[in-house]
Each structure stands twice: as C-alpha cells, then as structure tokens.
C-alpha cells in the first residue's frame, strides 16, 4: 500500500473532514481514504458502452425534435451528390469560358 502526505490543507477542509469522520464513526485518515476511493474509483471506472449509446440516442433524438432520424445517411449522400453536380457544372462553365477566350484570340 502507498502512503500519501497532504500538506497545506485548508483549515475549513480539515474541519469538514473531521466532522464527516465523526458522522461516519471513522478516523480522519479512514474518512480521507474512503472519500478518495469513492471519488477516484468512480472516475476510474471504465465507461459503460450501453449507457453511452443510450445517452447518444437520446441526444440525437432531442436534436431532431423528439424523433430519431431514419434517413440521415441517405440525406447526406444525396446532399453530397448535389454538391458534386454543382461543382461539375461550375467546372464545365469555366472550361467553356476558357475555350471561348482561347478561340477568340
């Protein structure tokens, strides 16, 4: 087991720790160990993928007026195809203008 020394602990924190320890019937040292284990242990726990997926589903639903989008990928592909067609049209117009200028010389 490791040992930890905490220096410059605020007096209010020290007093609060003493009160918590008394309320739980523990020494201050045990109270500090327990509190650190609860706080750090919870943060170090691996994320639950099912809980994360559920949270993501709820965020997506909330962002789409309370319903799940069912055609997001299809809409993205359609938008991208339309954008590509516009880019192709602009490129063709630029080539035509260039050819007209070249022929007029």
PDB file of N, CA and C in Angstrom:
ATOM      1  N   UNK A   1       0.830  -1.186   0.000  1.00  0.00           N
ATOM      2  CA  UNK A   1       0.000   0.000   0.000  1.00  0.00           C
ATOM      3  C   UNK A   1       0.874   1.250   0.000  1.00  0.00           C
ATOM      4  N   UNK A   2       0.399   2.246  -0.711  1.00  0.00           N
ATOM      5  CA  UNK A   2       1.130   3.506  -0.812  1.00  0.00           C
ATOM      6  C   UNK A   2       0.764   4.433   0.339  1.00  0.00           C
ATOM      7  N   UNK A   3       1.603   5.413   0.570  1.00  0.00           N
ATOM      8  CA  UNK A   3       1.378   6.414   1.602  1.00  0.00           C
ATOM      9  C   UNK A   3       1.291   7.774   0.934  1.00  0.00           C
ATOM     10  N   UNK A   4       0.382   8.615   1.429  1.00  0.00           N
ATOM     11  CA  UNK A   4       0.177   9.944   0.862  1.00  0.00           C
ATOM     12  C   UNK A   4       0.202  10.954   1.997  1.00  0.00           C
ATOM     13  N   UNK A   5       0.984  12.001   1.846  1.00  0.00           N
ATOM     14  CA  UNK A   5       1.016  13.100   2.808  1.00  0.00           C
ATOM     15  C   UNK A   5       0.449  14.319   2.112  1.00  0.00           C
ATOM     16  N   UNK A   6      -0.508  14.968   2.748  1.00  0.00           N
ATOM     17  CA  UNK A   6      -1.120  16.160   2.160  1.00  0.00           C
ATOM     18  C   UNK A   6      -0.715  17.359   2.989  1.00  0.00           C
ATOM     19  N   UNK A   7      -0.013  18.278   2.347  1.00  0.00           N
ATOM     20  CA  UNK A   7       0.437  19.488   3.031  1.00  0.00           C
ATOM     21  C   UNK A   7      -0.457  20.657   2.624  1.00  0.00           C
ATOM     22  N   UNK A   8      -0.452  21.686   3.460  1.00  0.00           N
ATOM     23  CA  UNK A   8      -1.173  22.939   3.179  1.00  0.00           C
ATOM     24  C   UNK A   8      -2.661  22.714   2.935  1.00  0.00           C
ATOM     25  N   UNK A   9      -3.249  21.817   3.693  1.00  0.00           N
ATOM     26  CA  UNK A   9      -4.681  21.569   3.594  1.00  0.00           C
ATOM     27  C   UNK A   9      -5.418  22.727   4.251  1.00  0.00           C
ATOM     28  N   UNK A  10      -6.378  23.278   3.559  1.00  0.00           N
ATOM     29  CA  UNK A  10      -7.154  24.399   4.073  1.00  0.00           C
ATOM     30  C   UNK A  10      -7.817  24.004   5.402  1.00  0.00           C
ATOM     31  N   UNK A  11      -7.838  24.930   6.339  1.00  0.00           N
ATOM     32  CA  UNK A  11      -8.415  24.654   7.661  1.00  0.00           C
ATOM     33  C   UNK A  11      -9.886  24.251   7.570  1.00  0.00           C
ATOM     34  N   UNK A  12     -10.618  24.865   6.664  1.00  0.00           N
ATOM     35  CA  UNK A  12     -12.042  24.533   6.513  1.00  0.00           C
ATOM     36  C   UNK A  12     -12.220  23.109   5.991  1.00  0.00           C
ATOM     37  N   UNK A  13     -11.357  22.689   5.080  1.00  0.00           N
ATOM     38  CA  UNK A  13     -11.413  21.325   4.557  1.00  0.00           C
ATOM     39  C   UNK A  13     -11.071  20.341   5.663  1.00  0.00           C
ATOM     40  N   UNK A  14     -10.063  20.658   6.432  1.00  0.00           N
ATOM     41  CA  UNK A  14      -9.652  19.809   7.557  1.00  0.00           C
ATOM     42  C   UNK A  14     -10.800  19.654   8.549  1.00  0.00           C
ATOM     43  N   UNK A  15     -11.459  20.764   8.892  1.00  0.00           N
ATOM     44  CA  UNK A  15     -12.571  20.723   9.848  1.00  0.00           C
ATOM     45  C   UNK A  15     -13.738  19.911   9.282  1.00  0.00           C
ATOM     46  N   UNK A  16     -14.033  20.104   8.009  1.00  0.00           N
ATOM     47  CA  UNK A  16     -15.130  19.361   7.380  1.00  0.00           C
ATOM     48  C   UNK A  16     -14.827  17.869   7.354  1.00  0.00           C
ATOM     49  N   UNK A  17     -13.584  17.509   7.096  1.00  0.00           N
ATOM     50  CA  UNK A  17     -13.183  16.104   7.098  1.00  0.00           C
ATOM     51  C   UNK A  17     -13.338  15.511   8.496  1.00  0.00           C
ATOM     52  N   UNK A  18     -12.978  16.282   9.513  1.00  0.00           N
ATOM     53  CA  UNK A  18     -13.110  15.814  10.901  1.00  0.00           C
ATOM     54  C   UNK A  18     -14.587  15.565  11.233  1.00  0.00           C
ATOM     55  N   UNK A  19     -15.479  16.468  10.789  1.00  0.00           N
ATOM     56  CA  UNK A  19     -16.920  16.313  11.039  1.00  0.00           C
ATOM     57  C   UNK A  19     -17.453  15.085  10.313  1.00  0.00           C
ATOM     58  N   UNK A  20     -17.073  14.917   9.048  1.00  0.00           N
ATOM     59  CA  UNK A  20     -17.530  13.741   8.282  1.00  0.00           C
ATOM     60  C   UNK A  20     -17.060  12.448   8.935  1.00  0.00           C
ATOM     61  N   UNK A  21     -15.821  12.437   9.377  1.00  0.00           N
ATOM     62  CA  UNK A  21     -15.286  11.238  10.015  1.00  0.00           C
ATOM     63  C   UNK A  21     -16.083  10.905  11.271  1.00  0.00           C
ATOM     64  N   UNK A  22     -16.405  11.926  12.062  1.00  0.00           N
ATOM     65  CA  UNK A  22     -17.183  11.701  13.281  1.00  0.00           C
ATOM     66  C   UNK A  22     -18.586  11.196  12.940  1.00  0.00           C
ATOM     67  N   UNK A  23     -19.192  11.752  11.899  1.00  0.00           N
ATOM     68  CA  UNK A  23     -20.535  11.327  11.498  1.00  0.00           C
ATOM     69  C   UNK A  23     -20.550   9.861  11.061  1.00  0.00           C
ATOM     70  N   UNK A  24     -19.473   9.424  10.443  1.00  0.00           N
ATOM     71  CA  UNK A  24     -19.394   8.045   9.943  1.00  0.00           C
ATOM     72  C   UNK A  24     -18.722   7.097  10.934  1.00  0.00           C
ATOM     73  N   UNK A  25     -18.301   7.624  12.067  1.00  0.00           N
ATOM     74  CA  UNK A  25     -17.668   6.782  13.070  1.00  0.00           C
ATOM     75  C   UNK A  25     -16.310   6.256  12.643  1.00  0.00           C
ATOM     76  N   UNK A  26     -15.563   7.067  11.913  1.00  0.00           N
ATOM     77  CA  UNK A  26     -14.238   6.663  11.418  1.00  0.00           C
ATOM     78  C   UNK A  26     -13.201   7.684  11.856  1.00  0.00           C
ATOM     79  N   UNK A  27     -11.947   7.261  11.733  1.00  0.00           N
ATOM     80  CA  UNK A  27     -10.862   8.212  11.953  1.00  0.00           C
ATOM     81  C   UNK A  27     -10.802   9.141  10.742  1.00  0.00           C
ATOM     82  N   UNK A  28     -10.119  10.279  10.915  1.00  0.00           N
ATOM     83  CA  UNK A  28      -9.966  11.198   9.774  1.00  0.00           C
ATOM     84  C   UNK A  28      -9.209  10.522   8.647  1.00  0.00           C
ATOM     85  N   UNK A  29      -8.204   9.749   9.007  1.00  0.00           N
ATOM     86  CA  UNK A  29      -7.421   9.060   7.982  1.00  0.00           C
ATOM     87  C   UNK A  29      -8.296   8.086   7.189  1.00  0.00           C
ATOM     88  N   UNK A  30      -9.132   7.322   7.887  1.00  0.00           N
ATOM     89  CA  UNK A  30     -10.016   6.375   7.202  1.00  0.00           C
ATOM     90  C   UNK A  30     -11.060   7.110   6.367  1.00  0.00           C
ATOM     91  N   UNK A  31     -11.548   8.226   6.897  1.00  0.00           N
ATOM     92  CA  UNK A  31     -12.528   9.023   6.146  1.00  0.00           C
ATOM     93  C   UNK A  31     -11.900   9.561   4.859  1.00  0.00           C
ATOM     94  N   UNK A  32     -10.665  10.037   4.944  1.00  0.00           N
ATOM     95  CA  UNK A  32      -9.966  10.537   3.757  1.00  0.00           C
ATOM     96  C   UNK A  32      -9.761   9.408   2.761  1.00  0.00           C
ATOM     97  N   UNK A  33      -9.360   8.215   3.254  1.00  0.00           N
ATOM     98  CA  UNK A  33      -9.173   7.057   2.367  1.00  0.00           C
ATOM     99  C   UNK A  33     -10.479   6.693   1.669  1.00  0.00           C
ATOM    100  N   UNK A  34     -11.549   6.645   2.437  1.00  0.00           N
ATOM    101  CA  UNK A  34     -12.849   6.264   1.890  1.00  0.00           C
ATOM    102  C   UNK A  34     -13.330   7.281   0.857  1.00  0.00           C
ATOM    103  N   UNK A  35     -13.200   8.554   1.186  1.00  0.00           N
ATOM    104  CA  UNK A  35     -13.641   9.616   0.272  1.00  0.00           C
ATOM    105  C   UNK A  35     -12.842   9.579  -1.026  1.00  0.00           C
ATOM    106  N   UNK A  36     -11.529   9.452  -0.923  1.00  0.00           N
ATOM    107  CA  UNK A  36     -10.705   9.381  -2.129  1.00  0.00           C
ATOM    108  C   UNK A  36     -11.048   8.154  -2.960  1.00  0.00           C
ATOM    109  N   UNK A  37     -11.268   7.017  -2.307  1.00  0.00           N
ATOM    110  CA  UNK A  37     -11.614   5.791  -3.033  1.00  0.00           C
ATOM    111  C   UNK A  37     -12.925   5.951  -3.791  1.00  0.00           C
ATOM    112  N   UNK A  38     -13.910   6.575  -3.148  1.00  0.00           N
ATOM    113  CA  UNK A  38     -15.209   6.779  -3.803  1.00  0.00           C
ATOM    114  C   UNK A  38     -15.093   7.721  -4.992  1.00  0.00           C
ATOM    115  N   UNK A  39     -14.393   8.828  -4.793  1.00  0.00           N
ATOM    116  CA  UNK A  39     -14.304   9.835  -5.856  1.00  0.00           C
ATOM    117  C   UNK A  39     -13.427   9.352  -7.008  1.00  0.00           C
ATOM    118  N   UNK A  40     -12.248   8.882  -6.687  1.00  0.00           N
ATOM    119  CA  UNK A  40     -11.316   8.459  -7.738  1.00  0.00           C
ATOM    120  C   UNK A  40     -11.750   7.127  -8.340  1.00  0.00           C
ATOM    121  N   UNK A  41     -12.260   6.233  -7.515  1.00  0.00           N
ATOM    122  CA  UNK A  41     -12.714   4.938  -8.017  1.00  0.00           C
ATOM    123  C   UNK A  41     -13.836   5.081  -9.021  1.00  0.00           C
ATOM    124  N   UNK A  42     -14.767   6.003  -8.763  1.00  0.00           N
ATOM    125  CA  UNK A  42     -15.879   6.222  -9.689  1.00  0.00           C
ATOM    126  C   UNK A  42     -15.374   6.818 -10.994  1.00  0.00           C
ATOM    127  N   UNK A  43     -14.405   7.724 -10.909  1.00  0.00           N
ATOM    128  CA  UNK A  43     -13.872   8.359 -12.115  1.00  0.00           C
ATOM    129  C   UNK A  43     -13.035   7.388 -12.929  1.00  0.00           C
ATOM    130  N   UNK A  44     -12.404   6.411 -12.248  1.00  0.00           N
ATOM    131  CA  UNK A  44     -11.525   5.486 -12.945  1.00  0.00           C
ATOM    132  C   UNK A  44     -12.277   4.299 -13.537  1.00  0.00           C
ATOM    133  N   UNK A  45     -13.559   4.157 -13.201  1.00  0.00           N
ATOM    134  CA  UNK A  45     -14.330   3.032 -13.721  1.00  0.00           C
ATOM    135  C   UNK A  45     -14.457   3.162 -15.236  1.00  0.00           C
ATOM    136  N   UNK A  46     -14.335   2.058 -15.952  1.00  0.00           N
ATOM    137  CA  UNK A  46     -14.455   2.128 -17.407  1.00  0.00           C
ATOM    138  C   UNK A  46     -15.877   2.519 -17.801  1.00  0.00           C
ATOM    139  N   UNK A  47     -16.008   3.272 -18.864  1.00  0.00           N
ATOM    140  CA  UNK A  47     -17.344   3.705 -19.278  1.00  0.00           C
ATOM    141  C   UNK A  47     -18.178   2.513 -19.744  1.00  0.00           C
ATOM    142  N   UNK A  48     -19.451   2.580 -19.506  1.00  0.00           N
ATOM    143  CA  UNK A  48     -20.381   1.545 -19.927  1.00  0.00           C
ATOM    144  C   UNK A  48     -20.819   1.857 -21.361  1.00  0.00           C
ATOM    145  N   UNK A  49     -20.453   1.015 -22.333  1.00  0.00           N
ATOM    146  CA  UNK A  49     -20.802   1.327 -23.729  1.00  0.00           C
ATOM    147  C   UNK A  49     -22.304   1.383 -23.963  1.00  0.00           C
ATOM    148  N   UNK A  50     -23.068   0.565 -23.259  1.00  0.00           N
ATOM    149  CA  UNK A  50     -24.519   0.587 -23.441  1.00  0.00           C
ATOM    150  C   UNK A  50     -25.106   1.898 -22.932  1.00  0.00           C
ATOM    151  N   UNK A  51     -24.602   2.371 -21.787  1.00  0.00           N
ATOM    152  CA  UNK A  51     -25.079   3.644 -21.242  1.00  0.00           C
ATOM    153  C   UNK A  51     -24.684   4.797 -22.162  1.00  0.00           C
ATOM    154  N   UNK A  52     -23.471   4.743 -22.705  1.00  0.00           N
ATOM    155  CA  UNK A  52     -23.020   5.792 -23.627  1.00  0.00           C
ATOM    156  C   UNK A  52     -23.868   5.798 -24.896  1.00  0.00           C
ATOM    157  N   UNK A  53     -24.190   4.620 -25.414  1.00  0.00           N
ATOM    158  CA  UNK A  53     -25.020   4.526 -26.626  1.00  0.00           C
ATOM    159  C   UNK A  53     -26.424   5.058 -26.352  1.00  0.00           C
ATOM    160  N   UNK A  54     -26.973   4.716 -25.185  1.00  0.00           N
ATOM    161  CA  UNK A  54     -28.307   5.208 -24.832  1.00  0.00           C
ATOM    162  C   UNK A  54     -28.312   6.726 -24.721  1.00  0.00           C
ATOM    163  N   UNK A  55     -27.260   7.284 -24.098  1.00  0.00           N
ATOM    164  CA  UNK A  55     -27.155   8.737 -23.970  1.00  0.00           C
ATOM    165  C   UNK A  55     -27.051   9.399 -25.342  1.00  0.00           C
ATOM    166  N   UNK A  56     -26.262   8.796 -26.235  1.00  0.00           N
ATOM    167  CA  UNK A  56     -26.119   9.334 -27.584  1.00  0.00           C
ATOM    168  C   UNK A  56     -27.448   9.290 -28.333  1.00  0.00           C
ATOM    169  N   UNK A  57     -28.192   8.177 -28.187  1.00  0.00           N
ATOM    170  CA  UNK A  57     -29.503   8.084 -28.844  1.00  0.00           C
ATOM    171  C   UNK A  57     -30.433   9.189 -28.368  1.00  0.00           C
ATOM    172  N   UNK A  58     -30.422   9.448 -27.055  1.00  0.00           N
ATOM    173  CA  UNK A  58     -31.280  10.492 -26.512  1.00  0.00           C
ATOM    174  C   UNK A  58     -30.869  11.875 -27.008  1.00  0.00           C
ATOM    175  N   UNK A  59     -29.561  12.121 -27.129  1.00  0.00           N
ATOM    176  CA  UNK A  59     -29.090  13.406 -27.655  1.00  0.00           C
ATOM    177  C   UNK A  59     -29.502  13.597 -29.107  1.00  0.00           C
ATOM    178  N   UNK A  60     -29.385  12.535 -29.893  1.00  0.00           N
ATOM    179  CA  UNK A  60     -29.790  12.602 -31.309  1.00  0.00           C
ATOM    180  C   UNK A  60     -31.287  12.848 -31.409  1.00  0.00           C
ATOM    181  N   UNK A  61     -32.046  12.149 -30.580  1.00  0.00           N
ATOM    182  CA  UNK A  61     -33.499  12.319 -30.580  1.00  0.00           C
ATOM    183  C   UNK A  61     -33.871  13.746 -30.198  1.00  0.00           C
ATOM    184  N   UNK A  62     -33.225  14.280 -29.163  1.00  0.00           N
ATOM    185  CA  UNK A  62     -33.512  15.641 -28.719  1.00  0.00           C
ATOM    186  C   UNK A  62     -33.147  16.669 -29.790  1.00  0.00           C
ATOM    187  N   UNK A  63     -32.097  16.399 -30.535  1.00  0.00           N
ATOM    188  CA  UNK A  63     -31.664  17.330 -31.589  1.00  0.00           C
ATOM    189  C   UNK A  63     -32.570  17.268 -32.813  1.00  0.00           C
ATOM    190  N   UNK A  64     -33.421  16.247 -32.889  1.00  0.00           N
ATOM    191  CA  UNK A  64     -34.307  16.071 -34.046  1.00  0.00           C
ATOM    192  C   UNK A  64     -35.771  16.141 -33.643  1.00  0.00           C
ATOM    193  N   UNK A  65     -36.073  17.086 -32.779  1.00  0.00           N
ATOM    194  CA  UNK A  65     -37.451  17.352 -32.362  1.00  0.00           C
ATOM    195  C   UNK A  65     -38.172  16.127 -31.801  1.00  0.00           C
ATOM    196  N   UNK A  66     -37.471  15.352 -30.991  1.00  0.00           N
ATOM    197  CA  UNK A  66     -38.099  14.241 -30.298  1.00  0.00           C
ATOM    198  C   UNK A  66     -38.279  12.973 -31.103  1.00  0.00           C
ATOM    199  N   UNK A  67     -37.658  12.879 -32.255  1.00  0.00           N
ATOM    200  CA  UNK A  67     -37.763  11.638 -33.037  1.00  0.00           C
ATOM    201  C   UNK A  67     -36.390  11.257 -33.563  1.00  0.00           C
ATOM    202  N   UNK A  68     -36.257  10.001 -33.844  1.00  0.00           N
ATOM    203  CA  UNK A  68     -34.989   9.508 -34.376  1.00  0.00           C
ATOM    204  C   UNK A  68     -34.972   9.693 -35.892  1.00  0.00           C
ATOM    205  N   UNK A  69     -33.921  10.285 -36.420  1.00  0.00           N
ATOM    206  CA  UNK A  69     -33.838  10.387 -37.882  1.00  0.00           C
ATOM    207  C   UNK A  69     -33.569   9.008 -38.467  1.00  0.00           C
ATOM    208  N   UNK A  70     -34.264   8.672 -39.550  1.00  0.00           N
ATOM    209  CA  UNK A  70     -34.071   7.341 -40.125  1.00  0.00           C
ATOM    210  C   UNK A  70     -33.403   7.412 -41.486  1.00  0.00           C
ATOM    211  N   UNK A  71     -33.216   8.596 -41.998  1.00  0.00           N
ATOM    212  CA  UNK A  71     -32.633   8.700 -43.331  1.00  0.00           C
ATOM    213  C   UNK A  71     -31.426   9.623 -43.369  1.00  0.00           C
ATOM    214  N   UNK A  72     -30.727   9.760 -42.260  1.00  0.00           N
ATOM    215  CA  UNK A  72     -29.612  10.700 -42.177  1.00  0.00           C
ATOM    216  C   UNK A  72     -28.519  10.398 -43.186  1.00  0.00           C
ATOM    217  N   UNK A  73     -28.134   9.137 -43.307  1.00  0.00           N
ATOM    218  CA  UNK A  73     -27.066   8.758 -44.226  1.00  0.00           C
ATOM    219  C   UNK A  73     -27.508   8.979 -45.660  1.00  0.00           C
ATOM    220  N   UNK A  74     -28.727   8.562 -45.980  1.00  0.00           N
ATOM    221  CA  UNK A  74     -29.234   8.767 -47.335  1.00  0.00           C
ATOM    222  C   UNK A  74     -29.287  10.252 -47.690  1.00  0.00           C
ATOM    223  N   UNK A  75     -29.701  11.082 -46.732  1.00  0.00           N
ATOM    224  CA  UNK A  75     -29.770  12.520 -46.980  1.00  0.00           C
ATOM    225  C   UNK A  75     -28.375  13.103 -47.171  1.00  0.00           C
ATOM    226  N   UNK A  76     -27.413  12.639 -46.388  1.00  0.00           N
ATOM    227  CA  UNK A  76     -26.037  13.100 -46.535  1.00  0.00           C
ATOM    228  C   UNK A  76     -25.510  12.752 -47.927  1.00  0.00           C
ATOM    229  N   UNK A  77     -25.755  11.532 -48.379  1.00  0.00           N
ATOM    230  CA  UNK A  77     -25.287  11.104 -49.703  1.00  0.00           C
ATOM    231  C   UNK A  77     -25.955  11.939 -50.789  1.00  0.00           C
ATOM    232  N   UNK A  78     -27.253  12.165 -50.665  1.00  0.00           N
ATOM    233  CA  UNK A  78     -27.963  12.969 -51.661  1.00  0.00           C
ATOM    234  C   UNK A  78     -27.425  14.397 -51.693  1.00  0.00           C
ATOM    235  N   UNK A  79     -27.181  14.974 -50.523  1.00  0.00           N
ATOM    236  CA  UNK A  79     -26.621  16.330 -50.464  1.00  0.00           C
ATOM    237  C   UNK A  79     -25.242  16.379 -51.104  1.00  0.00           C
ATOM    238  N   UNK A  80     -24.431  15.384 -50.827  1.00  0.00           N
ATOM    239  CA  UNK A  80     -23.076  15.349 -51.399  1.00  0.00           C
ATOM    240  C   UNK A  80     -23.116  15.193 -52.916  1.00  0.00           C
ATOM    241  N   UNK A  81     -24.035  14.369 -53.423  1.00  0.00           N
ATOM    242  CA  UNK A  81     -24.175  14.212 -54.885  1.00  0.00           C
ATOM    243  C   UNK A  81     -24.615  15.507 -55.537  1.00  0.00           C
ATOM    244  N   UNK A  82     -25.537  16.216 -54.904  1.00  0.00           N
ATOM    245  CA  UNK A  82     -25.985  17.503 -55.436  1.00  0.00           C
ATOM    246  C   UNK A  82     -24.836  18.503 -55.444  1.00  0.00           C
ATOM    247  N   UNK A  83     -24.056  18.524 -54.379  1.00  0.00           N
ATOM    248  CA  UNK A  83     -22.893  19.406 -54.306  1.00  0.00           C
ATOM    249  C   UNK A  83     -21.876  19.064 -55.398  1.00  0.00           C
ATOM    250  N   UNK A  84     -21.644  17.771 -55.624  1.00  0.00           N
ATOM    251  CA  UNK A  84     -20.698  17.350 -56.663  1.00  0.00           C
ATOM    252  C   UNK A  84     -21.204  17.756 -58.048  1.00  0.00           C
ATOM    253  N   UNK A  85     -22.506  17.650 -58.278  1.00  0.00           N
ATOM    254  CA  UNK A  85     -23.072  18.050 -59.573  1.00  0.00           C
ATOM    255  C   UNK A  85     -22.894  19.551 -59.789  1.00  0.00           C
ATOM    256  N   UNK A  86     -23.102  20.339 -58.734  1.00  0.00           N
ATOM    257  CA  UNK A  86     -22.902  21.792 -58.851  1.00  0.00           C
ATOM    258  C   UNK A  86     -21.441  22.114 -59.149  1.00  0.00           C
ATOM    259  N   UNK A  87     -20.538  21.426 -58.459  1.00  0.00           N
ATOM    260  CA  UNK A  87     -19.112  21.640 -58.711  1.00  0.00           C
ATOM    261  C   UNK A  87     -18.751  21.272 -60.149  1.00  0.00           C
ATOM    262  N   UNK A  88     -19.323  20.202 -60.657  1.00  0.00           N
ATOM    263  CA  UNK A  88     -19.048  19.777 -62.033  1.00  0.00           C
ATOM    264  C   UNK A  88     -19.578  20.814 -63.023  1.00  0.00           C
ATOM    265  N   UNK A  89     -20.773  21.358 -62.760  1.00  0.00           N
ATOM    266  CA  UNK A  89     -21.349  22.371 -63.637  1.00  0.00           C
ATOM    267  C   UNK A  89     -20.472  23.620 -63.665  1.00  0.00           C
ATOM    268  N   UNK A  90     -20.005  24.054 -62.498  1.00  0.00           N
ATOM    269  CA  UNK A  90     -19.129  25.234 -62.429  1.00  0.00           C
ATOM    270  C   UNK A  90     -17.837  24.958 -63.207  1.00  0.00           C
ATOM    271  N   UNK A  91     -17.266  23.782 -63.052  1.00  0.00           N
ATOM    272  CA  UNK A  91     -16.031  23.439 -63.763  1.00  0.00           C
ATOM    273  C   UNK A  91     -16.266  23.433 -65.273  1.00  0.00           C
ATOM    274  N   UNK A  92     -17.389  22.875 -65.713  1.00  0.00           N
ATOM    275  CA  UNK A  92     -17.693  22.861 -67.146  1.00  0.00           C
ATOM    276  C   UNK A  92     -17.865  24.279 -67.695  1.00  0.00           C
ATOM    277  N   UNK A  93     -18.524  25.144 -66.926  1.00  0.00           N
ATOM    278  CA  UNK A  93     -18.694  26.537 -67.353  1.00  0.00           C
ATOM    279  C   UNK A  93     -17.347  27.245 -67.458  1.00  0.00           C
ATOM    280  N   UNK A  94     -16.468  26.978 -66.510  1.00  0.00           N
ATOM    281  CA  UNK A  94     -15.143  27.593 -66.550  1.00  0.00           C
ATOM    282  C   UNK A  94     -14.344  27.093 -67.754  1.00  0.00           C
ATOM    283  N   UNK A  95     -14.443  25.825 -68.070  1.00  0.00           N
ATOM    284  CA  UNK A  95     -13.740  25.267 -69.229  1.00  0.00           C
ATOM    285  C   UNK A  95     -14.291  25.880 -70.504  1.00  0.00           C
ATOM    286  N   UNK A  96     -15.628  26.009 -70.598  1.00  0.00           N
ATOM    287  CA  UNK A  96     -16.251  26.593 -71.791  1.00  0.00           C
ATOM    288  C   UNK A  96     -15.802  28.039 -71.970  1.00  0.00           C
ATOM    289  N   UNK A  97     -15.754  28.799 -70.883  1.00  0.00           N
ATOM    290  CA  UNK A  97     -15.302  30.191 -70.976  1.00  0.00           C
ATOM    291  C   UNK A  97     -13.854  30.260 -71.440  1.00  0.00           C
ATOM    292  N   UNK A  98     -13.027  29.368 -70.903  1.00  0.00           N
ATOM    293  CA  UNK A  98     -11.620  29.335 -71.292  1.00  0.00           C
ATOM    294  C   UNK A  98     -11.463  29.005 -72.770  1.00  0.00           C
ATOM    295  N   UNK A  99     -12.246  28.032 -73.238  1.00  0.00           N
ATOM    296  CA  UNK A  99     -12.167  27.659 -74.643  1.00  0.00           C
ATOM    297  C   UNK A  99     -12.633  28.787 -75.549  1.00  0.00           C
ATOM    298  N   UNK A 100     -13.663  29.504 -75.146  1.00  0.00           N
ATOM    299  CA  UNK A 100     -14.154  30.629 -75.955  1.00  0.00           C
ATOM    300  C   UNK A 100     -13.105  31.727 -76.027  1.00  0.00           C
ATOM    301  N   UNK A 101     -12.454  32.013 -74.904  1.00  0.00           N
ATOM    302  CA  UNK A 101     -11.419  33.034 -74.902  1.00  0.00           C
ATOM    303  C   UNK A 101     -10.230  32.594 -75.764  1.00  0.00           C
ATOM    304  N   UNK A 102      -9.887  31.333 -75.710  1.00  0.00           N
ATOM    305  CA  UNK A 102      -8.761  30.821 -76.488  1.00  0.00           C
ATOM    306  C   UNK A 102      -9.068  30.849 -77.977  1.00  0.00           C
ATOM    307  N   UNK A 103     -10.320  30.576 -78.338  1.00  0.00           N
ATOM    308  CA  UNK A 103     -10.710  30.561 -79.757  1.00  0.00           C
ATOM    309  C   UNK A 103     -10.784  31.972 -80.322  1.00  0.00           C
ATOM    310  N   UNK A 104     -11.069  32.944 -79.466  1.00  0.00           N
ATOM    311  CA  UNK A 104     -11.218  34.335 -79.907  1.00  0.00           C
ATOM    312  C   UNK A 104      -9.904  35.033 -80.133  1.00  0.00           C
ATOM    313  N   UNK A 105      -8.798  34.439 -79.817  1.00  0.00           N
ATOM    314  CA  UNK A 105      -7.503  35.105 -79.972  1.00  0.00           C
ATOM    315  C   UNK A 105      -7.054  35.151 -81.356  1.00  0.00           C
TER     316      UNK A 105
END
